[in-house]
Amino acid sequence: MVGDLASAQKHLEELRKICLLPCEEFGDLEREIAEYRMKSGARGFR
């Protein structure tokens, strides 16, 4: 979902619900969203 911050955040929220234990996918996506926000100056819900 390159460049689609809204969809990425929605996906992150779904992962938050299903990853009861720390999961690699959640951490990866969370990190990518943070990097995208820093590079683009975008703000989003959290």
PDB file of N, CA and C in Angstrom:
ATOM      1  N   MET A   1       0.843  -1.181   0.000  1.00  0.00           N
ATOM      2  CA  MET A   1       0.000   0.000   0.000  1.00  0.00           C
ATOM      3  C   MET A   1       0.883   1.237   0.000  1.00  0.00           C
ATOM      4  N   VAL A   2       1.737   1.318  -0.931  1.00  0.00           N
ATOM      5  CA  VAL A   2       2.676   2.424  -1.016  1.00  0.00           C
ATOM      6  C   VAL A   2       1.931   3.729  -1.263  1.00  0.00           C
ATOM      7  N   GLY A   3       2.150   4.700  -0.385  1.00  0.00           N
ATOM      8  CA  GLY A   3       1.556   6.012  -0.544  1.00  0.00           C
ATOM      9  C   GLY A   3       0.108   6.117  -0.106  1.00  0.00           C
ATOM     10  N   ASP A   4      -0.463   5.063   0.426  1.00  0.00           N
ATOM     11  CA  ASP A   4      -1.863   5.074   0.852  1.00  0.00           C
ATOM     12  C   ASP A   4      -1.908   5.013   2.371  1.00  0.00           C
ATOM     13  N   LEU A   5      -1.681   6.162   3.000  1.00  0.00           N
ATOM     14  CA  LEU A   5      -1.582   6.235   4.454  1.00  0.00           C
ATOM     15  C   LEU A   5      -2.868   5.790   5.142  1.00  0.00           C
ATOM     16  N   ALA A   6      -4.000   6.212   4.628  1.00  0.00           N
ATOM     17  CA  ALA A   6      -5.276   5.855   5.257  1.00  0.00           C
ATOM     18  C   ALA A   6      -5.484   4.343   5.292  1.00  0.00           C
ATOM     19  N   SER A   7      -5.206   3.676   4.191  1.00  0.00           N
ATOM     20  CA  SER A   7      -5.360   2.216   4.150  1.00  0.00           C
ATOM     21  C   SER A   7      -4.345   1.529   5.046  1.00  0.00           C
ATOM     22  N   ALA A   8      -3.135   2.060   5.081  1.00  0.00           N
ATOM     23  CA  ALA A   8      -2.103   1.475   5.936  1.00  0.00           C
ATOM     24  C   ALA A   8      -2.493   1.589   7.401  1.00  0.00           C
ATOM     25  N   GLN A   9      -3.045   2.729   7.785  1.00  0.00           N
ATOM     26  CA  GLN A   9      -3.464   2.912   9.178  1.00  0.00           C
ATOM     27  C   GLN A   9      -4.632   1.997   9.526  1.00  0.00           C
ATOM     28  N   LYS A  10      -5.539   1.812   8.584  1.00  0.00           N
ATOM     29  CA  LYS A  10      -6.668   0.904   8.795  1.00  0.00           C
ATOM     30  C   LYS A  10      -6.154  -0.522   8.980  1.00  0.00           C
ATOM     31  N   HIS A  11      -5.206  -0.906   8.163  1.00  0.00           N
ATOM     32  CA  HIS A  11      -4.604  -2.239   8.254  1.00  0.00           C
ATOM     33  C   HIS A  11      -3.880  -2.404   9.597  1.00  0.00           C
ATOM     34  N   LEU A  12      -3.190  -1.355  10.034  1.00  0.00           N
ATOM     35  CA  LEU A  12      -2.493  -1.397  11.318  1.00  0.00           C
ATOM     36  C   LEU A  12      -3.478  -1.614  12.465  1.00  0.00           C
ATOM     37  N   GLU A  13      -4.613  -0.954  12.422  1.00  0.00           N
ATOM     38  CA  GLU A  13      -5.629  -1.130  13.465  1.00  0.00           C
ATOM     39  C   GLU A  13      -6.164  -2.564  13.487  1.00  0.00           C
ATOM     40  N   GLU A  14      -6.333  -3.148  12.312  1.00  0.00           N
ATOM     41  CA  GLU A  14      -6.780  -4.545  12.250  1.00  0.00           C
ATOM     42  C   GLU A  14      -5.711  -5.477  12.823  1.00  0.00           C
ATOM     43  N   LEU A  15      -4.451  -5.224  12.503  1.00  0.00           N
ATOM     44  CA  LEU A  15      -3.369  -6.035  13.067  1.00  0.00           C
ATOM     45  C   LEU A  15      -3.317  -5.888  14.584  1.00  0.00           C
ATOM     46  N   ARG A  16      -3.584  -4.685  15.066  1.00  0.00           N
ATOM     47  CA  ARG A  16      -3.581  -4.434  16.523  1.00  0.00           C
ATOM     48  C   ARG A  16      -4.616  -5.333  17.205  1.00  0.00           C
ATOM     49  N   LYS A  17      -5.740  -5.565  16.538  1.00  0.00           N
ATOM     50  CA  LYS A  17      -6.804  -6.398  17.101  1.00  0.00           C
ATOM     51  C   LYS A  17      -6.439  -7.883  17.102  1.00  0.00           C
ATOM     52  N   ILE A  18      -5.741  -8.345  16.057  1.00  0.00           N
ATOM     53  CA  ILE A  18      -5.515  -9.784  15.935  1.00  0.00           C
ATOM     54  C   ILE A  18      -4.150 -10.251  16.434  1.00  0.00           C
ATOM     55  N   CYS A  19      -3.204  -9.349  16.584  1.00  0.00           N
ATOM     56  CA  CYS A  19      -1.873  -9.737  17.059  1.00  0.00           C
ATOM     57  C   CYS A  19      -1.845  -9.641  18.584  1.00  0.00           C
ATOM     58  N   LEU A  20      -2.231 -10.703  19.227  1.00  0.00           N
ATOM     59  CA  LEU A  20      -2.264 -10.698  20.688  1.00  0.00           C
ATOM     60  C   LEU A  20      -0.854 -10.701  21.274  1.00  0.00           C
ATOM     61  N   LEU A  21       0.036 -11.358  20.596  1.00  0.00           N
ATOM     62  CA  LEU A  21       1.446 -11.342  20.973  1.00  0.00           C
ATOM     63  C   LEU A  21       2.148 -10.395  20.009  1.00  0.00           C
ATOM     64  N   PRO A  22       3.291  -9.893  20.392  1.00  0.00           N
ATOM     65  CA  PRO A  22       4.007  -9.036  19.440  1.00  0.00           C
ATOM     66  C   PRO A  22       4.232  -9.785  18.121  1.00  0.00           C
ATOM     67  N   CYS A  23       3.858  -9.160  17.027  1.00  0.00           N
ATOM     68  CA  CYS A  23       4.055  -9.807  15.736  1.00  0.00           C
ATOM     69  C   CYS A  23       4.873  -8.892  14.822  1.00  0.00           C
ATOM     70  N   GLU A  24       5.670  -9.508  14.005  1.00  0.00           N
ATOM     71  CA  GLU A  24       6.597  -8.801  13.134  1.00  0.00           C
ATOM     72  C   GLU A  24       5.855  -7.875  12.160  1.00  0.00           C
ATOM     73  N   GLU A  25       4.743  -8.330  11.626  1.00  0.00           N
ATOM     74  CA  GLU A  25       4.003  -7.538  10.654  1.00  0.00           C
ATOM     75  C   GLU A  25       3.530  -6.222  11.259  1.00  0.00           C
ATOM     76  N   PHE A  26       3.047  -6.276  12.490  1.00  0.00           N
ATOM     77  CA  PHE A  26       2.573  -5.062  13.157  1.00  0.00           C
ATOM     78  C   PHE A  26       3.709  -4.065  13.326  1.00  0.00           C
ATOM     79  N   GLY A  27       4.826  -4.530  13.845  1.00  0.00           N
ATOM     80  CA  GLY A  27       5.982  -3.657  14.052  1.00  0.00           C
ATOM     81  C   GLY A  27       6.504  -3.073  12.758  1.00  0.00           C
ATOM     82  N   ASP A  28       6.547  -3.889  11.708  1.00  0.00           N
ATOM     83  CA  ASP A  28       7.019  -3.422  10.403  1.00  0.00           C
ATOM     84  C   ASP A  28       6.113  -2.316   9.860  1.00  0.00           C
ATOM     85  N   LEU A  29       4.814  -2.558   9.898  1.00  0.00           N
ATOM     86  CA  LEU A  29       3.873  -1.579   9.362  1.00  0.00           C
ATOM     87  C   LEU A  29       3.880  -0.299  10.184  1.00  0.00           C
ATOM     88  N   GLU A  30       3.937  -0.427  11.488  1.00  0.00           N
ATOM     89  CA  GLU A  30       3.969   0.749  12.356  1.00  0.00           C
ATOM     90  C   GLU A  30       5.210   1.602  12.060  1.00  0.00           C
ATOM     91  N   ARG A  31       6.318   0.942  11.869  1.00  0.00           N
ATOM     92  CA  ARG A  31       7.574   1.644  11.554  1.00  0.00           C
ATOM     93  C   ARG A  31       7.492   2.328  10.187  1.00  0.00           C
ATOM     94  N   GLU A  32       6.934   1.638   9.208  1.00  0.00           N
ATOM     95  CA  GLU A  32       6.805   2.207   7.867  1.00  0.00           C
ATOM     96  C   GLU A  32       5.878   3.426   7.870  1.00  0.00           C
ATOM     97  N   ILE A  33       4.800   3.354   8.621  1.00  0.00           N
ATOM     98  CA  ILE A  33       3.878   4.490   8.713  1.00  0.00           C
ATOM     99  C   ILE A  33       4.581   5.683   9.348  1.00  0.00           C
ATOM    100  N   ALA A  34       5.330   5.450  10.403  1.00  0.00           N
ATOM    101  CA  ALA A  34       6.066   6.531  11.065  1.00  0.00           C
ATOM    102  C   ALA A  34       7.069   7.165  10.108  1.00  0.00           C
ATOM    103  N   GLU A  35       7.784   6.346   9.359  1.00  0.00           N
ATOM    104  CA  GLU A  35       8.758   6.865   8.384  1.00  0.00           C
ATOM    105  C   GLU A  35       8.059   7.665   7.290  1.00  0.00           C
ATOM    106  N   TYR A  36       6.934   7.191   6.825  1.00  0.00           N
ATOM    107  CA  TYR A  36       6.179   7.890   5.790  1.00  0.00           C
ATOM    108  C   TYR A  36       5.730   9.257   6.303  1.00  0.00           C
ATOM    109  N   ARG A  37       5.220   9.279   7.529  1.00  0.00           N
ATOM    110  CA  ARG A  37       4.777  10.551   8.122  1.00  0.00           C
ATOM    111  C   ARG A  37       5.932  11.535   8.237  1.00  0.00           C
ATOM    112  N   MET A  38       7.091  11.067   8.666  1.00  0.00           N
ATOM    113  CA  MET A  38       8.240  11.950   8.818  1.00  0.00           C
ATOM    114  C   MET A  38       8.673  12.510   7.460  1.00  0.00           C
ATOM    115  N   LYS A  39       8.700  11.673   6.447  1.00  0.00           N
ATOM    116  CA  LYS A  39       9.141  12.107   5.122  1.00  0.00           C
ATOM    117  C   LYS A  39       8.147  13.048   4.455  1.00  0.00           C
ATOM    118  N   SER A  40       6.866  12.791   4.667  1.00  0.00           N
ATOM    119  CA  SER A  40       5.848  13.560   3.953  1.00  0.00           C
ATOM    120  C   SER A  40       5.249  14.682   4.789  1.00  0.00           C
ATOM    121  N   GLY A  41       5.516  14.662   6.089  1.00  0.00           N
ATOM    122  CA  GLY A  41       4.901  15.656   6.962  1.00  0.00           C
ATOM    123  C   GLY A  41       3.442  15.363   7.205  1.00  0.00           C
ATOM    124  N   ALA A  42       3.011  14.146   6.852  1.00  0.00           N
ATOM    125  CA  ALA A  42       1.596  13.757   6.995  1.00  0.00           C
ATOM    126  C   ALA A  42       1.264  13.483   8.448  1.00  0.00           C
ATOM    127  N   ARG A  43       0.042  13.792   8.774  1.00  0.00           N
ATOM    128  CA  ARG A  43      -0.463  13.453  10.101  1.00  0.00           C
ATOM    129  C   ARG A  43      -1.617  12.498   9.907  1.00  0.00           C
ATOM    130  N   GLY A  44      -1.815  11.651  10.876  1.00  0.00           N
ATOM    131  CA  GLY A  44      -2.906  10.699  10.766  1.00  0.00           C
ATOM    132  C   GLY A  44      -3.446  10.358  12.128  1.00  0.00           C
ATOM    133  N   PHE A  45      -4.499   9.591  12.141  1.00  0.00           N
ATOM    134  CA  PHE A  45      -5.062   9.195  13.414  1.00  0.00           C
ATOM    135  C   PHE A  45      -4.231   8.090  14.012  1.00  0.00           C
ATOM    136  N   ARG A  46      -4.331   7.970  15.291  1.00  0.00           N
ATOM    137  CA  ARG A  46      -3.609   6.923  15.984  1.00  0.00           C
ATOM    138  C   ARG A  46      -4.352   6.488  17.183  1.00  0.00           C
TER     139      ARG A  46
END
